[in-house]
């Protein structure tokens, strides 16, 4: 069997004086493992920064890790098993594959490790996590698509670019987008295709779709990295006036919106998601019972507020 090599991105904070309203936190000094989809996408880098801030505030030892191959479920499963072996006190995870991660999460659950589901829903029939921290991704897809359709004047060709197949974030955003499109009978959905939440992949996908559908007037991508790839494809094709929307409102997307290259994005608050995920871990380790869902608000970002 070939040996697998993993790159672990770890940030450890030891803050001895983390205080809560009732005195020194019982969670202080506990070990929390945060597993992300990758550490190349600006979204997850921002999640990590928010998580680090919470770890410092609540006196947690935080280890942040991500697959060497972005969005790889097999690597994430092995990372969960390694966290179990290290006897981490709490696991915070953003699964790459909603259903694929279930067997590994079951092992953590059976080992008695409390779990915080962050950003992307863990599948299965059994709720194994203490709380789910995420925006309403359906609402993000619905809001972005509604605005694009309005800007199209309610008519024309529309292209929908999905994220990683199997990721609940993409499924929900696509469902929201499709439901919004249904409210605009004059807007025709020309094509739906995955670009794996990747900028370079999206550029190639959109280039091909623009060639196949020269009448496209708008493109909604389920994250900003793909939207920025769509921007590159539109520029390479020499097309003018195509509306492009994304999700995350990362720094590159905000600049593209200011420059008039992108039309809009949805602020999914990755920093807040990361902070709230690790804060939830601290509360769980303190013995608190949390709400089933913790939902940071979203906001539409356009040239007026980018």
C-alpha atoms as a PDB file:
ATOM      1  CA  UNK A   1       0.000   0.000   0.000  1.00  0.00           C
ATOM      2  CA  UNK A   2       1.365   3.373  -0.959  1.00  0.00           C
ATOM      3  CA  UNK A   3       2.019   5.720   1.910  1.00  0.00           C
ATOM      4  CA  UNK A   4      -0.043   8.872   1.927  1.00  0.00           C
ATOM      5  CA  UNK A   5       1.537  12.145   2.845  1.00  0.00           C
ATOM      6  CA  UNK A   6      -0.573  14.864   4.368  1.00  0.00           C
ATOM      7  CA  UNK A   7       0.172  18.480   5.009  1.00  0.00           C
ATOM      8  CA  UNK A   8      -1.205  19.639   8.321  1.00  0.00           C
ATOM      9  CA  UNK A   9      -1.822  23.291   8.912  1.00  0.00           C
ATOM     10  CA  UNK A  10      -1.877  23.715  12.660  1.00  0.00           C
ATOM     11  CA  UNK A  11      -2.429  26.792  14.732  1.00  0.00           C
ATOM     12  CA  UNK A  12      -2.188  26.216  18.484  1.00  0.00           C
ATOM     13  CA  UNK A  13      -3.298  28.817  20.948  1.00  0.00           C
ATOM     14  CA  UNK A  14      -2.747  28.575  24.685  1.00  0.00           C
ATOM     15  CA  UNK A  15      -4.493  31.431  26.395  1.00  0.00           C
ATOM     16  CA  UNK A  16      -4.623  30.670  30.133  1.00  0.00           C
ATOM     17  CA  UNK A  17      -6.949  33.450  31.114  1.00  0.00           C
ATOM     18  CA  UNK A  18      -9.981  33.047  28.849  1.00  0.00           C
ATOM     19  CA  UNK A  19     -12.898  34.368  30.853  1.00  0.00           C
ATOM     20  CA  UNK A  20     -16.636  33.879  30.575  1.00  0.00           C
ATOM     21  CA  UNK A  21     -19.336  35.716  32.444  1.00  0.00           C
ATOM     22  CA  UNK A  22     -19.209  33.090  35.196  1.00  0.00           C
ATOM     23  CA  UNK A  23     -15.441  33.014  35.612  1.00  0.00           C
ATOM     24  CA  UNK A  24     -12.681  30.992  34.008  1.00  0.00           C
ATOM     25  CA  UNK A  25     -14.025  28.748  31.291  1.00  0.00           C
ATOM     26  CA  UNK A  26     -14.110  25.001  31.848  1.00  0.00           C
ATOM     27  CA  UNK A  27     -13.153  24.677  28.181  1.00  0.00           C
ATOM     28  CA  UNK A  28      -9.850  26.538  28.653  1.00  0.00           C
ATOM     29  CA  UNK A  29      -6.900  24.426  27.548  1.00  0.00           C
ATOM     30  CA  UNK A  30      -9.032  21.860  25.726  1.00  0.00           C
ATOM     31  CA  UNK A  31      -8.014  20.591  22.285  1.00  0.00           C
ATOM     32  CA  UNK A  32     -10.234  21.338  19.288  1.00  0.00           C
ATOM     33  CA  UNK A  33      -9.604  19.978  15.790  1.00  0.00           C
ATOM     34  CA  UNK A  34     -10.923  21.962  12.831  1.00  0.00           C
ATOM     35  CA  UNK A  35     -11.048  20.107   9.506  1.00  0.00           C
ATOM     36  CA  UNK A  36     -11.590  22.253   6.418  1.00  0.00           C
ATOM     37  CA  UNK A  37     -12.148  21.377   2.766  1.00  0.00           C
ATOM     38  CA  UNK A  38      -8.904  23.093   1.746  1.00  0.00           C
ATOM     39  CA  UNK A  39      -6.621  25.957   2.680  1.00  0.00           C
ATOM     40  CA  UNK A  40      -6.218  27.477  -0.781  1.00  0.00           C
ATOM     41  CA  UNK A  41      -9.665  28.988  -1.299  1.00  0.00           C
ATOM     42  CA  UNK A  42      -9.874  32.470   0.298  1.00  0.00           C
ATOM     43  CA  UNK A  43     -13.168  31.437   1.889  1.00  0.00           C
ATOM     44  CA  UNK A  44     -11.562  28.744   4.011  1.00  0.00           C
ATOM     45  CA  UNK A  45      -8.598  30.932   4.857  1.00  0.00           C
ATOM     46  CA  UNK A  46     -11.090  33.416   6.292  1.00  0.00           C
ATOM     47  CA  UNK A  47     -12.900  30.618   8.156  1.00  0.00           C
ATOM     48  CA  UNK A  48      -9.555  29.641   9.674  1.00  0.00           C
ATOM     49  CA  UNK A  49      -8.890  33.219  10.785  1.00  0.00           C
ATOM     50  CA  UNK A  50     -12.271  33.432  12.492  1.00  0.00           C
ATOM     51  CA  UNK A  51     -11.688  30.080  14.172  1.00  0.00           C
ATOM     52  CA  UNK A  52      -8.299  31.225  15.431  1.00  0.00           C
ATOM     53  CA  UNK A  53      -9.836  34.355  16.929  1.00  0.00           C
ATOM     54  CA  UNK A  54     -12.394  32.285  18.834  1.00  0.00           C
ATOM     55  CA  UNK A  55      -9.730  29.831  20.010  1.00  0.00           C
ATOM     56  CA  UNK A  56      -7.663  32.699  21.391  1.00  0.00           C
ATOM     57  CA  UNK A  57     -10.683  34.269  23.088  1.00  0.00           C
ATOM     58  CA  UNK A  58     -11.872  31.069  24.742  1.00  0.00           C
ATOM     59  CA  UNK A  59      -8.481  29.565  25.607  1.00  0.00           C
ATOM     60  CA  UNK A  60      -8.641  26.573  23.299  1.00  0.00           C
ATOM     61  CA  UNK A  61      -5.780  24.694  21.682  1.00  0.00           C
ATOM     62  CA  UNK A  62      -6.857  24.728  18.038  1.00  0.00           C
ATOM     63  CA  UNK A  63      -5.420  22.477  15.346  1.00  0.00           C
ATOM     64  CA  UNK A  64      -6.579  23.344  11.829  1.00  0.00           C
ATOM     65  CA  UNK A  65      -6.028  20.786   9.077  1.00  0.00           C
ATOM     66  CA  UNK A  66      -7.155  20.309   5.483  1.00  0.00           C
ATOM     67  CA  UNK A  67      -6.604  17.770   2.717  1.00  0.00           C
ATOM     68  CA  UNK A  68      -3.503  18.088   0.570  1.00  0.00           C
ATOM     69  CA  UNK A  69      -5.778  17.514  -2.404  1.00  0.00           C
ATOM     70  CA  UNK A  70      -8.525  20.109  -2.118  1.00  0.00           C
ATOM     71  CA  UNK A  71     -12.005  18.854  -1.259  1.00  0.00           C
ATOM     72  CA  UNK A  72     -10.847  15.247  -0.927  1.00  0.00           C
ATOM     73  CA  UNK A  73     -13.241  13.137   1.131  1.00  0.00           C
ATOM     74  CA  UNK A  74     -10.857  10.216   1.611  1.00  0.00           C
ATOM     75  CA  UNK A  75      -8.214  12.455   3.163  1.00  0.00           C
ATOM     76  CA  UNK A  76     -10.812  14.124   5.372  1.00  0.00           C
ATOM     77  CA  UNK A  77     -11.963  10.718   6.623  1.00  0.00           C
ATOM     78  CA  UNK A  78      -8.416   9.813   7.578  1.00  0.00           C
ATOM     79  CA  UNK A  79      -8.023  13.165   9.337  1.00  0.00           C
ATOM     80  CA  UNK A  80     -11.119  12.447  11.424  1.00  0.00           C
ATOM     81  CA  UNK A  81      -9.650   9.082  12.398  1.00  0.00           C
ATOM     82  CA  UNK A  82      -6.362  10.768  13.333  1.00  0.00           C
ATOM     83  CA  UNK A  83      -8.243  13.297  15.469  1.00  0.00           C
ATOM     84  CA  UNK A  84      -9.950  10.407  17.261  1.00  0.00           C
ATOM     85  CA  UNK A  85      -6.581   8.743  17.855  1.00  0.00           C
ATOM     86  CA  UNK A  86      -5.225  12.019  19.300  1.00  0.00           C
ATOM     87  CA  UNK A  87      -8.274  12.127  21.584  1.00  0.00           C
ATOM     88  CA  UNK A  88      -9.265  15.586  20.536  1.00  0.00           C
ATOM     89  CA  UNK A  89     -11.823  17.096  22.901  1.00  0.00           C
ATOM     90  CA  UNK A  90     -14.061  18.439  20.115  1.00  0.00           C
ATOM     91  CA  UNK A  91     -14.226  18.086  16.343  1.00  0.00           C
ATOM     92  CA  UNK A  92     -15.333  20.962  14.110  1.00  0.00           C
ATOM     93  CA  UNK A  93     -15.652  19.895  10.487  1.00  0.00           C
ATOM     94  CA  UNK A  94     -16.636  21.250   7.087  1.00  0.00           C
ATOM     95  CA  UNK A  95     -17.193  18.064   5.074  1.00  0.00           C
ATOM     96  CA  UNK A  96     -16.159  17.984   1.438  1.00  0.00           C
ATOM     97  CA  UNK A  97     -18.741  15.310   0.708  1.00  0.00           C
ATOM     98  CA  UNK A  98     -21.979  15.519   2.673  1.00  0.00           C
ATOM     99  CA  UNK A  99     -22.667  11.791   2.559  1.00  0.00           C
ATOM    100  CA  UNK A 100     -19.151  10.478   2.005  1.00  0.00           C
ATOM    101  CA  UNK A 101     -17.934  11.769   5.371  1.00  0.00           C
ATOM    102  CA  UNK A 102     -20.644   9.975   7.374  1.00  0.00           C
ATOM    103  CA  UNK A 103     -18.697   6.765   8.235  1.00  0.00           C
ATOM    104  CA  UNK A 104     -15.803   8.778   9.694  1.00  0.00           C
ATOM    105  CA  UNK A 105     -18.120  11.075  11.648  1.00  0.00           C
ATOM    106  CA  UNK A 106     -19.897   8.016  13.054  1.00  0.00           C
ATOM    107  CA  UNK A 107     -16.560   6.817  14.456  1.00  0.00           C
ATOM    108  CA  UNK A 108     -16.010  10.154  16.192  1.00  0.00           C
ATOM    109  CA  UNK A 109     -19.562  10.109  17.525  1.00  0.00           C
ATOM    110  CA  UNK A 110     -19.168   6.566  18.845  1.00  0.00           C
ATOM    111  CA  UNK A 111     -15.880   7.595  20.474  1.00  0.00           C
ATOM    112  CA  UNK A 112     -17.797  10.202  22.458  1.00  0.00           C
ATOM    113  CA  UNK A 113     -16.213  13.212  20.745  1.00  0.00           C
ATOM    114  CA  UNK A 114     -18.633  16.156  20.456  1.00  0.00           C
ATOM    115  CA  UNK A 115     -18.988  17.403  16.885  1.00  0.00           C
ATOM    116  CA  UNK A 116     -19.751  20.811  15.434  1.00  0.00           C
ATOM    117  CA  UNK A 117     -20.968  20.665  11.844  1.00  0.00           C
ATOM    118  CA  UNK A 118     -19.727  23.802  10.114  1.00  0.00           C
ATOM    119  CA  UNK A 119     -20.798  25.356   6.795  1.00  0.00           C
ATOM    120  CA  UNK A 120     -21.702  22.122   4.981  1.00  0.00           C
ATOM    121  CA  UNK A 121     -24.278  19.631   6.276  1.00  0.00           C
ATOM    122  CA  UNK A 122     -23.192  16.159   7.303  1.00  0.00           C
ATOM    123  CA  UNK A 123     -25.499  13.591   5.744  1.00  0.00           C
ATOM    124  CA  UNK A 124     -27.144  10.507   7.161  1.00  0.00           C
ATOM    125  CA  UNK A 125     -30.338   9.904   9.094  1.00  0.00           C
ATOM    126  CA  UNK A 126     -28.778  10.294  12.544  1.00  0.00           C
ATOM    127  CA  UNK A 127     -27.921  13.711  13.959  1.00  0.00           C
ATOM    128  CA  UNK A 128     -24.425  13.219  15.364  1.00  0.00           C
ATOM    129  CA  UNK A 129     -23.449  16.850  15.825  1.00  0.00           C
ATOM    130  CA  UNK A 130     -24.244  19.220  18.666  1.00  0.00           C
ATOM    131  CA  UNK A 131     -25.028  22.156  16.381  1.00  0.00           C
ATOM    132  CA  UNK A 132     -24.840  23.185  12.736  1.00  0.00           C
ATOM    133  CA  UNK A 133     -23.237  26.561  12.009  1.00  0.00           C
ATOM    134  CA  UNK A 134     -23.927  27.854   8.492  1.00  0.00           C
ATOM    135  CA  UNK A 135     -25.635  30.497   6.445  1.00  0.00           C
ATOM    136  CA  UNK A 136     -28.857  29.625   4.634  1.00  0.00           C
ATOM    137  CA  UNK A 137     -27.247  28.594   1.356  1.00  0.00           C
ATOM    138  CA  UNK A 138     -30.607  28.191  -0.342  1.00  0.00           C
ATOM    139  CA  UNK A 139     -31.337  31.840   0.421  1.00  0.00           C
ATOM    140  CA  UNK A 140     -27.971  32.859  -1.027  1.00  0.00           C
ATOM    141  CA  UNK A 141     -28.686  31.142  -4.329  1.00  0.00           C
ATOM    142  CA  UNK A 142     -32.212  32.518  -4.428  1.00  0.00           C
ATOM    143  CA  UNK A 143     -31.193  36.098  -3.630  1.00  0.00           C
ATOM    144  CA  UNK A 144     -28.309  36.225  -6.105  1.00  0.00           C
ATOM    145  CA  UNK A 145     -30.315  34.708  -8.948  1.00  0.00           C
ATOM    146  CA  UNK A 146     -33.317  36.929  -8.283  1.00  0.00           C
ATOM    147  CA  UNK A 147     -31.143  40.045  -8.531  1.00  0.00           C
ATOM    148  CA  UNK A 148     -29.440  38.824 -11.718  1.00  0.00           C
ATOM    149  CA  UNK A 149     -32.814  38.092 -13.321  1.00  0.00           C
ATOM    150  CA  UNK A 150     -34.071  41.538 -12.396  1.00  0.00           C
ATOM    151  CA  UNK A 151     -30.982  43.125 -13.912  1.00  0.00           C
ATOM    152  CA  UNK A 152     -31.578  41.061 -17.069  1.00  0.00           C
ATOM    153  CA  UNK A 153     -34.990  42.673 -17.349  1.00  0.00           C
ATOM    154  CA  UNK A 154     -36.621  39.308 -16.763  1.00  0.00           C
ATOM    155  CA  UNK A 155     -35.557  37.764 -20.048  1.00  0.00           C
ATOM    156  CA  UNK A 156     -32.579  36.091 -21.706  1.00  0.00           C
ATOM    157  CA  UNK A 157     -30.278  33.106 -21.379  1.00  0.00           C
ATOM    158  CA  UNK A 158     -28.906  32.055 -17.971  1.00  0.00           C
ATOM    159  CA  UNK A 159     -26.003  29.738 -17.086  1.00  0.00           C
ATOM    160  CA  UNK A 160     -25.729  28.055 -13.672  1.00  0.00           C
ATOM    161  CA  UNK A 161     -22.326  26.825 -12.439  1.00  0.00           C
ATOM    162  CA  UNK A 162     -22.469  24.317  -9.597  1.00  0.00           C
ATOM    163  CA  UNK A 163     -19.831  23.593  -6.948  1.00  0.00           C
ATOM    164  CA  UNK A 164     -18.433  20.236  -5.899  1.00  0.00           C
ATOM    165  CA  UNK A 165     -20.924  17.428  -6.611  1.00  0.00           C
ATOM    166  CA  UNK A 166     -22.260  16.057  -3.346  1.00  0.00           C
ATOM    167  CA  UNK A 167     -21.492  19.188  -1.316  1.00  0.00           C
ATOM    168  CA  UNK A 168     -24.658  20.353   0.405  1.00  0.00           C
ATOM    169  CA  UNK A 169     -23.647  24.012   0.017  1.00  0.00           C
ATOM    170  CA  UNK A 170     -23.767  23.613  -3.743  1.00  0.00           C
ATOM    171  CA  UNK A 171     -26.982  21.571  -3.673  1.00  0.00           C
ATOM    172  CA  UNK A 172     -28.741  24.218  -1.606  1.00  0.00           C
ATOM    173  CA  UNK A 173     -27.485  27.168  -3.651  1.00  0.00           C
ATOM    174  CA  UNK A 174     -28.476  25.442  -6.877  1.00  0.00           C
ATOM    175  CA  UNK A 175     -31.951  24.718  -5.499  1.00  0.00           C
ATOM    176  CA  UNK A 176     -32.331  28.342  -4.454  1.00  0.00           C
ATOM    177  CA  UNK A 177     -31.195  29.521  -7.856  1.00  0.00           C
ATOM    178  CA  UNK A 178     -33.595  27.210  -9.702  1.00  0.00           C
ATOM    179  CA  UNK A 179     -36.520  28.338  -7.570  1.00  0.00           C
ATOM    180  CA  UNK A 180     -35.676  31.964  -8.283  1.00  0.00           C
ATOM    181  CA  UNK A 181     -35.479  31.243 -12.017  1.00  0.00           C
ATOM    182  CA  UNK A 182     -38.976  29.742 -11.857  1.00  0.00           C
ATOM    183  CA  UNK A 183     -40.298  33.184 -10.932  1.00  0.00           C
ATOM    184  CA  UNK A 184     -38.964  34.656 -14.195  1.00  0.00           C
ATOM    185  CA  UNK A 185     -40.540  32.747 -17.094  1.00  0.00           C
ATOM    186  CA  UNK A 186     -38.719  34.915 -19.602  1.00  0.00           C
ATOM    187  CA  UNK A 187     -35.310  33.757 -18.339  1.00  0.00           C
ATOM    188  CA  UNK A 188     -34.146  30.527 -19.967  1.00  0.00           C
ATOM    189  CA  UNK A 189     -31.772  28.203 -18.129  1.00  0.00           C
ATOM    190  CA  UNK A 190     -29.336  27.317 -20.900  1.00  0.00           C
ATOM    191  CA  UNK A 191     -27.020  24.988 -18.999  1.00  0.00           C
ATOM    192  CA  UNK A 192     -26.045  23.732 -15.558  1.00  0.00           C
ATOM    193  CA  UNK A 193     -22.550  22.355 -15.031  1.00  0.00           C
ATOM    194  CA  UNK A 194     -20.160  21.737 -12.146  1.00  0.00           C
ATOM    195  CA  UNK A 195     -16.805  23.503 -11.860  1.00  0.00           C
ATOM    196  CA  UNK A 196     -15.871  22.025  -8.467  1.00  0.00           C
ATOM    197  CA  UNK A 197     -15.642  25.399  -6.698  1.00  0.00           C
ATOM    198  CA  UNK A 198     -12.401  25.972  -8.625  1.00  0.00           C
ATOM    199  CA  UNK A 199     -11.437  29.118 -10.561  1.00  0.00           C
ATOM    200  CA  UNK A 200      -9.391  27.462 -13.322  1.00  0.00           C
ATOM    201  CA  UNK A 201     -12.003  24.749 -13.844  1.00  0.00           C
ATOM    202  CA  UNK A 202     -14.737  27.354 -14.058  1.00  0.00           C
ATOM    203  CA  UNK A 203     -12.817  29.329 -16.652  1.00  0.00           C
ATOM    204  CA  UNK A 204     -12.626  26.268 -18.910  1.00  0.00           C
ATOM    205  CA  UNK A 205     -16.241  25.274 -18.288  1.00  0.00           C
ATOM    206  CA  UNK A 206     -17.591  28.759 -18.965  1.00  0.00           C
ATOM    207  CA  UNK A 207     -15.460  29.175 -22.082  1.00  0.00           C
ATOM    208  CA  UNK A 208     -17.064  26.066 -23.553  1.00  0.00           C
ATOM    209  CA  UNK A 209     -20.556  27.120 -22.492  1.00  0.00           C
ATOM    210  CA  UNK A 210     -20.176  30.592 -23.982  1.00  0.00           C
ATOM    211  CA  UNK A 211     -19.201  28.977 -27.268  1.00  0.00           C
ATOM    212  CA  UNK A 212     -22.228  26.670 -27.100  1.00  0.00           C
ATOM    213  CA  UNK A 213     -24.631  29.400 -25.949  1.00  0.00           C
ATOM    214  CA  UNK A 214     -23.660  32.735 -27.483  1.00  0.00           C
ATOM    215  CA  UNK A 215     -26.939  34.274 -26.300  1.00  0.00           C
ATOM    216  CA  UNK A 216     -26.091  33.922 -22.585  1.00  0.00           C
ATOM    217  CA  UNK A 217     -26.823  37.114 -20.661  1.00  0.00           C
ATOM    218  CA  UNK A 218     -26.030  36.044 -17.080  1.00  0.00           C
ATOM    219  CA  UNK A 219     -23.972  33.486 -15.169  1.00  0.00           C
ATOM    220  CA  UNK A 220     -24.514  32.518 -11.554  1.00  0.00           C
ATOM    221  CA  UNK A 221     -21.682  30.596  -9.910  1.00  0.00           C
ATOM    222  CA  UNK A 222     -22.071  28.898  -6.536  1.00  0.00           C
ATOM    223  CA  UNK A 223     -18.919  30.538  -5.188  1.00  0.00           C
ATOM    224  CA  UNK A 224     -16.691  33.495  -5.992  1.00  0.00           C
ATOM    225  CA  UNK A 225     -13.712  31.478  -7.158  1.00  0.00           C
ATOM    226  CA  UNK A 226     -15.833  30.058  -9.964  1.00  0.00           C
ATOM    227  CA  UNK A 227     -17.329  33.486 -10.640  1.00  0.00           C
ATOM    228  CA  UNK A 228     -13.819  34.904 -11.026  1.00  0.00           C
ATOM    229  CA  UNK A 229     -13.051  32.078 -13.449  1.00  0.00           C
ATOM    230  CA  UNK A 230     -16.177  33.054 -15.366  1.00  0.00           C
ATOM    231  CA  UNK A 231     -14.893  36.640 -15.498  1.00  0.00           C
ATOM    232  CA  UNK A 232     -11.686  35.396 -17.123  1.00  0.00           C
ATOM    233  CA  UNK A 233     -13.661  33.314 -19.619  1.00  0.00           C
ATOM    234  CA  UNK A 234     -15.895  36.238 -20.581  1.00  0.00           C
ATOM    235  CA  UNK A 235     -12.878  38.502 -21.040  1.00  0.00           C
ATOM    236  CA  UNK A 236     -11.054  35.870 -23.121  1.00  0.00           C
ATOM    237  CA  UNK A 237     -14.129  35.510 -25.321  1.00  0.00           C
ATOM    238  CA  UNK A 238     -14.323  39.264 -25.818  1.00  0.00           C
ATOM    239  CA  UNK A 239     -17.923  39.288 -24.620  1.00  0.00           C
ATOM    240  CA  UNK A 240     -19.522  42.420 -23.208  1.00  0.00           C
ATOM    241  CA  UNK A 241     -22.431  42.940 -20.852  1.00  0.00           C
ATOM    242  CA  UNK A 242     -22.685  39.454 -19.354  1.00  0.00           C
ATOM    243  CA  UNK A 243     -23.830  39.609 -15.734  1.00  0.00           C
ATOM    244  CA  UNK A 244     -21.827  37.443 -13.319  1.00  0.00           C
ATOM    245  CA  UNK A 245     -22.769  36.579  -9.755  1.00  0.00           C
ATOM    246  CA  UNK A 246     -21.058  34.541  -7.055  1.00  0.00           C
ATOM    247  CA  UNK A 247     -21.153  33.653  -3.379  1.00  0.00           C
ATOM    248  CA  UNK A 248     -18.715  34.529  -0.545  1.00  0.00           C
ATOM    249  CA  UNK A 249     -17.840  38.182  -1.264  1.00  0.00           C
ATOM    250  CA  UNK A 250     -14.126  37.484  -0.931  1.00  0.00           C
ATOM    251  CA  UNK A 251     -11.572  40.243  -1.502  1.00  0.00           C
ATOM    252  CA  UNK A 252     -10.931  39.400  -5.175  1.00  0.00           C
ATOM    253  CA  UNK A 253     -14.651  39.288  -5.897  1.00  0.00           C
ATOM    254  CA  UNK A 254     -15.267  42.610  -4.183  1.00  0.00           C
ATOM    255  CA  UNK A 255     -12.528  44.174  -6.291  1.00  0.00           C
ATOM    256  CA  UNK A 256     -13.978  42.616  -9.458  1.00  0.00           C
ATOM    257  CA  UNK A 257     -17.370  44.078  -8.533  1.00  0.00           C
ATOM    258  CA  UNK A 258     -15.816  47.511  -7.988  1.00  0.00           C
ATOM    259  CA  UNK A 259     -14.097  47.200 -11.374  1.00  0.00           C
ATOM    260  CA  UNK A 260     -17.369  46.271 -13.065  1.00  0.00           C
ATOM    261  CA  UNK A 261     -16.176  42.775 -14.027  1.00  0.00           C
ATOM    262  CA  UNK A 262     -18.523  40.974 -11.648  1.00  0.00           C
ATOM    263  CA  UNK A 263     -22.070  42.073 -10.940  1.00  0.00           C
ATOM    264  CA  UNK A 264     -22.721  40.815  -7.430  1.00  0.00           C
ATOM    265  CA  UNK A 265     -21.876  38.350  -4.708  1.00  0.00           C
ATOM    266  CA  UNK A 266     -23.450  37.043  -1.522  1.00  0.00           C
ATOM    267  CA  UNK A 267     -21.536  37.787   1.681  1.00  0.00           C
ATOM    268  CA  UNK A 268     -21.483  34.377   3.359  1.00  0.00           C
ATOM    269  CA  UNK A 269     -19.449  35.648   6.318  1.00  0.00           C
ATOM    270  CA  UNK A 270     -16.717  32.984   6.394  1.00  0.00           C
ATOM    271  CA  UNK A 271     -14.861  34.682   9.267  1.00  0.00           C
ATOM    272  CA  UNK A 272     -18.045  34.719  11.338  1.00  0.00           C
ATOM    273  CA  UNK A 273     -18.754  31.087  10.472  1.00  0.00           C
ATOM    274  CA  UNK A 274     -15.282  30.070  11.631  1.00  0.00           C
ATOM    275  CA  UNK A 275     -15.568  32.117  14.807  1.00  0.00           C
ATOM    276  CA  UNK A 276     -19.029  30.798  15.654  1.00  0.00           C
ATOM    277  CA  UNK A 277     -17.973  27.200  14.959  1.00  0.00           C
ATOM    278  CA  UNK A 278     -15.111  27.283  17.451  1.00  0.00           C
ATOM    279  CA  UNK A 279     -17.100  29.377  19.913  1.00  0.00           C
ATOM    280  CA  UNK A 280     -19.725  26.618  19.776  1.00  0.00           C
ATOM    281  CA  UNK A 281     -17.004  24.066  20.556  1.00  0.00           C
ATOM    282  CA  UNK A 282     -16.013  26.087  23.622  1.00  0.00           C
ATOM    283  CA  UNK A 283     -19.627  26.262  24.787  1.00  0.00           C
ATOM    284  CA  UNK A 284     -20.123  22.531  24.288  1.00  0.00           C
ATOM    285  CA  UNK A 285     -16.968  21.745  26.268  1.00  0.00           C
ATOM    286  CA  UNK A 286     -18.302  24.021  28.986  1.00  0.00           C
ATOM    287  CA  UNK A 287     -21.413  21.878  29.179  1.00  0.00           C
ATOM    288  CA  UNK A 288     -23.832  24.210  27.452  1.00  0.00           C
ATOM    289  CA  UNK A 289     -26.679  23.034  25.224  1.00  0.00           C
ATOM    290  CA  UNK A 290     -26.796  24.904  21.924  1.00  0.00           C
ATOM    291  CA  UNK A 291     -29.470  25.595  19.355  1.00  0.00           C
ATOM    292  CA  UNK A 292     -29.748  23.042  16.583  1.00  0.00           C
ATOM    293  CA  UNK A 293     -28.752  25.674  14.001  1.00  0.00           C
ATOM    294  CA  UNK A 294     -26.611  28.801  14.321  1.00  0.00           C
ATOM    295  CA  UNK A 295     -27.274  30.948  11.249  1.00  0.00           C
ATOM    296  CA  UNK A 296     -25.101  33.990  10.427  1.00  0.00           C
ATOM    297  CA  UNK A 297     -26.958  36.486   8.205  1.00  0.00           C
ATOM    298  CA  UNK A 298     -26.142  36.921   4.519  1.00  0.00           C
ATOM    299  CA  UNK A 299     -26.046  40.136   2.503  1.00  0.00           C
ATOM    300  CA  UNK A 300     -26.111  41.040  -1.179  1.00  0.00           C
ATOM    301  CA  UNK A 301     -22.894  42.767  -2.301  1.00  0.00           C
ATOM    302  CA  UNK A 302     -23.026  44.977  -5.409  1.00  0.00           C
ATOM    303  CA  UNK A 303     -21.023  47.891  -6.738  1.00  0.00           C
ATOM    304  CA  UNK A 304     -22.944  50.161  -4.376  1.00  0.00           C
ATOM    305  CA  UNK A 305     -21.615  48.464  -1.228  1.00  0.00           C
ATOM    306  CA  UNK A 306     -18.549  46.482  -2.298  1.00  0.00           C
END
